[in-house]
Amino acid sequence: MDLNFLTSAFATFFVTIDPIGLAPIFVALTQELTAADRRKVARISCLIAFILLALAALGGKALLGVLGISLDAFRIAGGLFLFYMGFEMLFELRQPRRHKHADTAVGIDHVKNIAAFPLAIPLMAGPGAITATILLASKTQGNLVNFLGIIATIFLVVAITFITFILASTITRALGQMGRIVVTRLLGLILGALAVQFIADGIKSLVGGS
């Protein structure tokens, strides 16, 4: 098992899912629910997100093959997308967009289906997390141990997200507005660096194969 690879994978999943950034949104979406209902929403949303990301890891590469998209091209395109996400986090553009999704859910059905939308989709298993999952799963290159490590890493980050949801009120109060901004910008910088590495790997592979 490549521990360096799995450490990088954990950092990528943690930043793209961003449990800390989701904590205040979870509080806002579930403030009218009982404690038992909040736990149920947390459990269902995390289960849906894990299943979607695991399916992306299992079938993402095959889907790209059906569409005629090379992994190197997807690495470059996915890296650019993740870089944009990092840019959003660095300059505090991501949180307002997430709150917009949350407001839509509240307005349409008064938090009846918030476990599936917007918590699981698109806030946890959104385009960024799915893109990162396909990219990282493709880098295992048939190594079953590393692939299972990717699935375990997804599970670990989703489990951390579940714990964050359960403790969301406490975390939000402890961090405060300034603390959340600092953490979000630091994670955005890390995601930007990881995205550049994806792009560089894709370009290097394309040039080497031409």
Protein backbone atom coordinates (compact mmCIF):
# COMPACT_ATOMS: atom_id res chain seq x y z
CA MET A 1 0.00 0.00 0.00
CA ASP A 2 1.36 3.42 -1.03
CA LEU A 3 0.92 5.53 2.10
CA ASN A 4 2.08 8.74 0.38
CA PHE A 5 -0.56 8.26 -2.31
CA LEU A 6 -3.29 7.59 0.25
CA THR A 7 -2.21 10.60 2.32
CA SER A 8 -2.53 12.77 -0.78
CA ALA A 9 -5.90 11.18 -1.52
CA PHE A 10 -7.11 11.91 2.01
CA ALA A 11 -6.07 15.56 1.70
CA THR A 12 -7.84 15.85 -1.66
CA PHE A 13 -11.10 14.31 -0.43
CA PHE A 14 -11.02 16.28 2.81
CA VAL A 15 -10.60 19.57 0.96
CA THR A 16 -13.15 18.89 -1.78
CA ILE A 17 -15.83 17.64 0.63
CA ASP A 18 -14.79 20.26 3.23
CA PRO A 19 -16.53 18.98 6.42
CA ILE A 20 -15.65 22.13 8.37
CA GLY A 21 -17.16 24.39 5.72
CA LEU A 22 -20.32 22.27 5.71
CA ALA A 23 -20.85 22.55 9.48
CA PRO A 24 -22.56 25.99 9.50
CA ILE A 25 -24.71 25.00 6.51
CA PHE A 26 -25.82 21.83 8.31
CA VAL A 27 -26.75 23.92 11.36
CA ALA A 28 -28.76 26.35 9.21
CA LEU A 29 -30.59 23.56 7.37
CA THR A 30 -31.47 21.52 10.44
CA GLN A 31 -32.12 24.19 13.08
CA GLU A 32 -35.86 23.45 13.13
CA LEU A 33 -35.37 19.68 13.52
CA THR A 34 -35.13 17.63 16.69
CA ALA A 35 -31.79 16.16 17.74
CA ALA A 36 -32.91 12.70 16.57
CA ASP A 37 -33.94 14.06 13.17
CA ARG A 38 -30.64 15.91 12.79
CA ARG A 39 -28.76 12.67 13.41
CA LYS A 40 -30.97 10.92 10.85
CA VAL A 41 -30.31 13.62 8.25
CA ALA A 42 -26.56 13.39 8.94
CA ARG A 43 -26.59 9.59 8.62
CA ILE A 44 -28.63 9.46 5.40
CA SER A 45 -26.73 12.27 3.66
CA CYS A 46 -23.35 10.71 4.45
CA LEU A 47 -24.53 7.27 3.29
CA ILE A 48 -25.77 8.68 -0.03
CA ALA A 49 -22.54 10.62 -0.56
CA PHE A 50 -20.37 7.57 0.17
CA ILE A 51 -22.33 5.36 -2.23
CA LEU A 52 -22.11 7.94 -5.03
CA LEU A 53 -18.37 8.45 -4.58
CA ALA A 54 -17.71 4.71 -4.33
CA LEU A 55 -19.64 4.19 -7.59
CA ALA A 56 -17.58 6.96 -9.21
CA ALA A 57 -14.39 5.18 -8.13
CA LEU A 58 -15.66 1.85 -9.47
CA GLY A 59 -17.15 2.98 -12.79
CA GLY A 60 -15.71 6.38 -13.55
CA LYS A 61 -12.82 5.11 -15.67
CA ALA A 62 -15.10 2.83 -17.69
CA LEU A 63 -17.49 5.71 -18.32
CA LEU A 64 -14.64 7.84 -19.64
CA GLY A 65 -13.70 5.00 -21.99
CA VAL A 66 -17.26 4.79 -23.32
CA LEU A 67 -17.21 8.55 -23.95
CA GLY A 68 -13.83 8.34 -25.67
CA ILE A 69 -12.10 10.59 -23.12
CA SER A 70 -8.52 9.72 -22.19
CA LEU A 71 -7.46 9.72 -18.55
CA ASP A 72 -4.78 12.30 -19.30
CA ALA A 73 -7.31 14.68 -20.82
CA PHE A 74 -9.57 14.13 -17.81
CA ARG A 75 -6.66 14.79 -15.44
CA ILE A 76 -6.03 18.16 -17.09
CA ALA A 77 -9.71 19.13 -17.24
CA GLY A 78 -10.36 17.82 -13.73
CA GLY A 79 -7.27 19.60 -12.41
CA LEU A 80 -8.50 22.88 -13.89
CA PHE A 81 -11.90 22.37 -12.28
CA LEU A 82 -10.37 21.59 -8.88
CA PHE A 83 -8.09 24.62 -9.25
CA TYR A 84 -11.19 26.77 -9.75
CA MET A 85 -12.70 25.27 -6.59
CA GLY A 86 -9.51 26.12 -4.71
CA PHE A 87 -9.71 29.67 -6.09
CA GLU A 88 -13.30 29.93 -4.84
CA MET A 89 -12.27 28.79 -1.36
CA LEU A 90 -9.24 31.06 -1.24
CA PHE A 91 -11.28 34.15 -2.07
CA GLU A 92 -14.42 33.18 -0.11
CA LEU A 93 -16.60 32.56 -3.18
CA ARG A 94 -17.56 28.95 -2.42
CA GLN A 95 -19.52 29.42 0.81
CA PRO A 96 -22.09 31.88 -0.67
CA ARG A 97 -22.75 29.40 -3.52
CA ARG A 98 -23.28 26.59 -0.99
CA HIS A 99 -25.66 28.75 1.01
CA LYS A 100 -27.58 29.41 -2.19
CA HIS A 101 -28.12 25.65 -2.60
CA ALA A 102 -29.22 25.47 1.03
CA ASP A 103 -31.68 28.34 0.63
CA THR A 104 -33.17 26.62 -2.43
CA ALA A 105 -33.79 23.42 -0.47
CA VAL A 106 -35.43 25.27 2.41
CA GLY A 107 -37.63 27.32 0.13
CA ILE A 108 -38.88 24.41 -1.96
CA ASP A 109 -39.71 21.79 0.66
CA HIS A 110 -38.80 23.16 4.07
CA VAL A 111 -35.91 20.76 4.77
CA LYS A 112 -37.99 17.64 4.02
CA ASN A 113 -35.42 16.20 1.61
CA ILE A 114 -32.24 17.99 2.73
CA ALA A 115 -30.39 14.73 3.37
CA ALA A 116 -30.35 14.00 -0.37
CA PHE A 117 -30.38 17.61 -1.61
CA PRO A 118 -28.41 19.72 -0.99
CA LEU A 119 -26.31 17.92 1.67
CA ALA A 120 -25.41 14.70 -0.20
CA ILE A 121 -25.76 16.25 -3.67
CA PRO A 122 -24.13 18.62 -4.52
CA LEU A 123 -22.50 19.76 -1.26
CA MET A 124 -20.72 16.49 -0.39
CA ALA A 125 -20.73 14.36 -3.55
CA GLY A 126 -20.57 17.29 -5.93
CA PRO A 127 -18.67 17.68 -9.21
CA GLY A 128 -15.40 18.43 -7.42
CA ALA A 129 -15.48 15.36 -5.17
CA ILE A 130 -16.60 13.10 -8.03
CA THR A 131 -13.86 14.45 -10.29
CA ALA A 132 -11.24 13.90 -7.59
CA THR A 133 -12.53 10.36 -7.00
CA ILE A 134 -12.23 9.37 -10.66
CA LEU A 135 -8.77 10.93 -10.94
CA LEU A 136 -7.44 9.22 -7.82
CA ALA A 137 -9.04 5.85 -8.60
CA SER A 138 -7.46 5.94 -12.07
CA LYS A 139 -4.02 6.45 -10.51
CA THR A 140 -4.25 3.09 -8.71
CA GLN A 141 -3.66 1.43 -12.14
CA GLY A 142 -5.20 -1.89 -11.22
CA ASN A 143 -3.51 -2.11 -7.81
CA LEU A 144 -6.31 -3.64 -5.73
CA VAL A 145 -4.76 -2.69 -2.38
CA ASN A 146 -4.44 0.97 -3.36
CA PHE A 147 -7.94 0.97 -4.84
CA LEU A 148 -9.39 -0.44 -1.63
CA GLY A 149 -7.34 2.21 0.15
CA ILE A 150 -9.13 4.86 -1.92
CA ILE A 151 -12.53 3.44 -0.93
CA ALA A 152 -11.42 3.33 2.72
CA THR A 153 -10.20 6.94 2.45
CA ILE A 154 -13.55 8.06 1.06
CA PHE A 155 -15.27 6.26 3.93
CA LEU A 156 -12.94 7.92 6.46
CA VAL A 157 -13.60 11.43 5.15
CA VAL A 158 -17.36 10.81 5.00
CA ALA A 159 -17.20 9.46 8.58
CA ILE A 160 -15.38 12.62 9.66
CA THR A 161 -18.11 14.62 7.91
CA PHE A 162 -20.76 12.68 9.83
CA ILE A 163 -19.02 13.46 13.13
CA THR A 164 -18.72 17.09 12.06
CA PHE A 165 -22.47 17.21 11.38
CA ILE A 166 -23.22 15.75 14.83
CA LEU A 167 -20.94 18.36 16.45
CA ALA A 168 -21.78 21.10 13.95
CA SER A 169 -23.20 23.59 16.45
CA THR A 170 -20.19 23.25 18.75
CA ILE A 171 -17.68 23.52 15.87
CA THR A 172 -19.40 26.57 14.41
CA ARG A 173 -19.36 28.38 17.76
CA ALA A 174 -15.74 27.40 18.46
CA LEU A 175 -14.36 28.53 15.10
CA GLY A 176 -16.38 31.69 14.71
CA GLN A 177 -16.55 33.58 11.43
CA MET A 178 -12.84 34.47 11.35
CA GLY A 179 -11.70 30.94 12.20
CA ARG A 180 -13.86 29.45 9.45
CA ILE A 181 -12.46 31.92 6.90
CA VAL A 182 -8.86 31.10 7.84
CA VAL A 183 -9.43 27.33 7.63
CA THR A 184 -11.31 27.63 4.32
CA ARG A 185 -8.56 29.71 2.71
CA LEU A 186 -5.84 27.35 3.91
CA LEU A 187 -7.71 24.36 2.48
CA GLY A 188 -8.26 26.29 -0.76
CA LEU A 189 -4.52 26.83 -1.11
CA ILE A 190 -3.87 23.11 -0.57
CA LEU A 191 -6.52 22.16 -3.13
CA GLY A 192 -5.01 24.57 -5.67
CA ALA A 193 -1.58 22.94 -5.25
CA LEU A 194 -3.07 19.43 -5.62
CA ALA A 195 -4.94 20.57 -8.74
CA VAL A 196 -1.74 21.91 -10.32
CA GLN A 197 -0.14 18.51 -9.68
CA PHE A 198 -3.03 16.76 -11.49
CA ILE A 199 -2.64 19.13 -14.46
CA ALA A 200 1.14 18.67 -14.56
CA ASP A 201 0.79 14.86 -14.47
CA GLY A 202 -1.75 14.96 -17.30
CA ILE A 203 0.38 17.21 -19.49
CA LYS A 204 3.51 15.16 -18.81
CA SER A 205 1.73 11.93 -19.74
CA LEU A 206 0.21 13.42 -22.90
CA VAL A 207 3.53 14.84 -24.09
CA GLY A 208 5.35 11.62 -23.24
CA GLY A 209 2.82 9.56 -25.16
CA SER A 210 2.84 11.72 -28.28
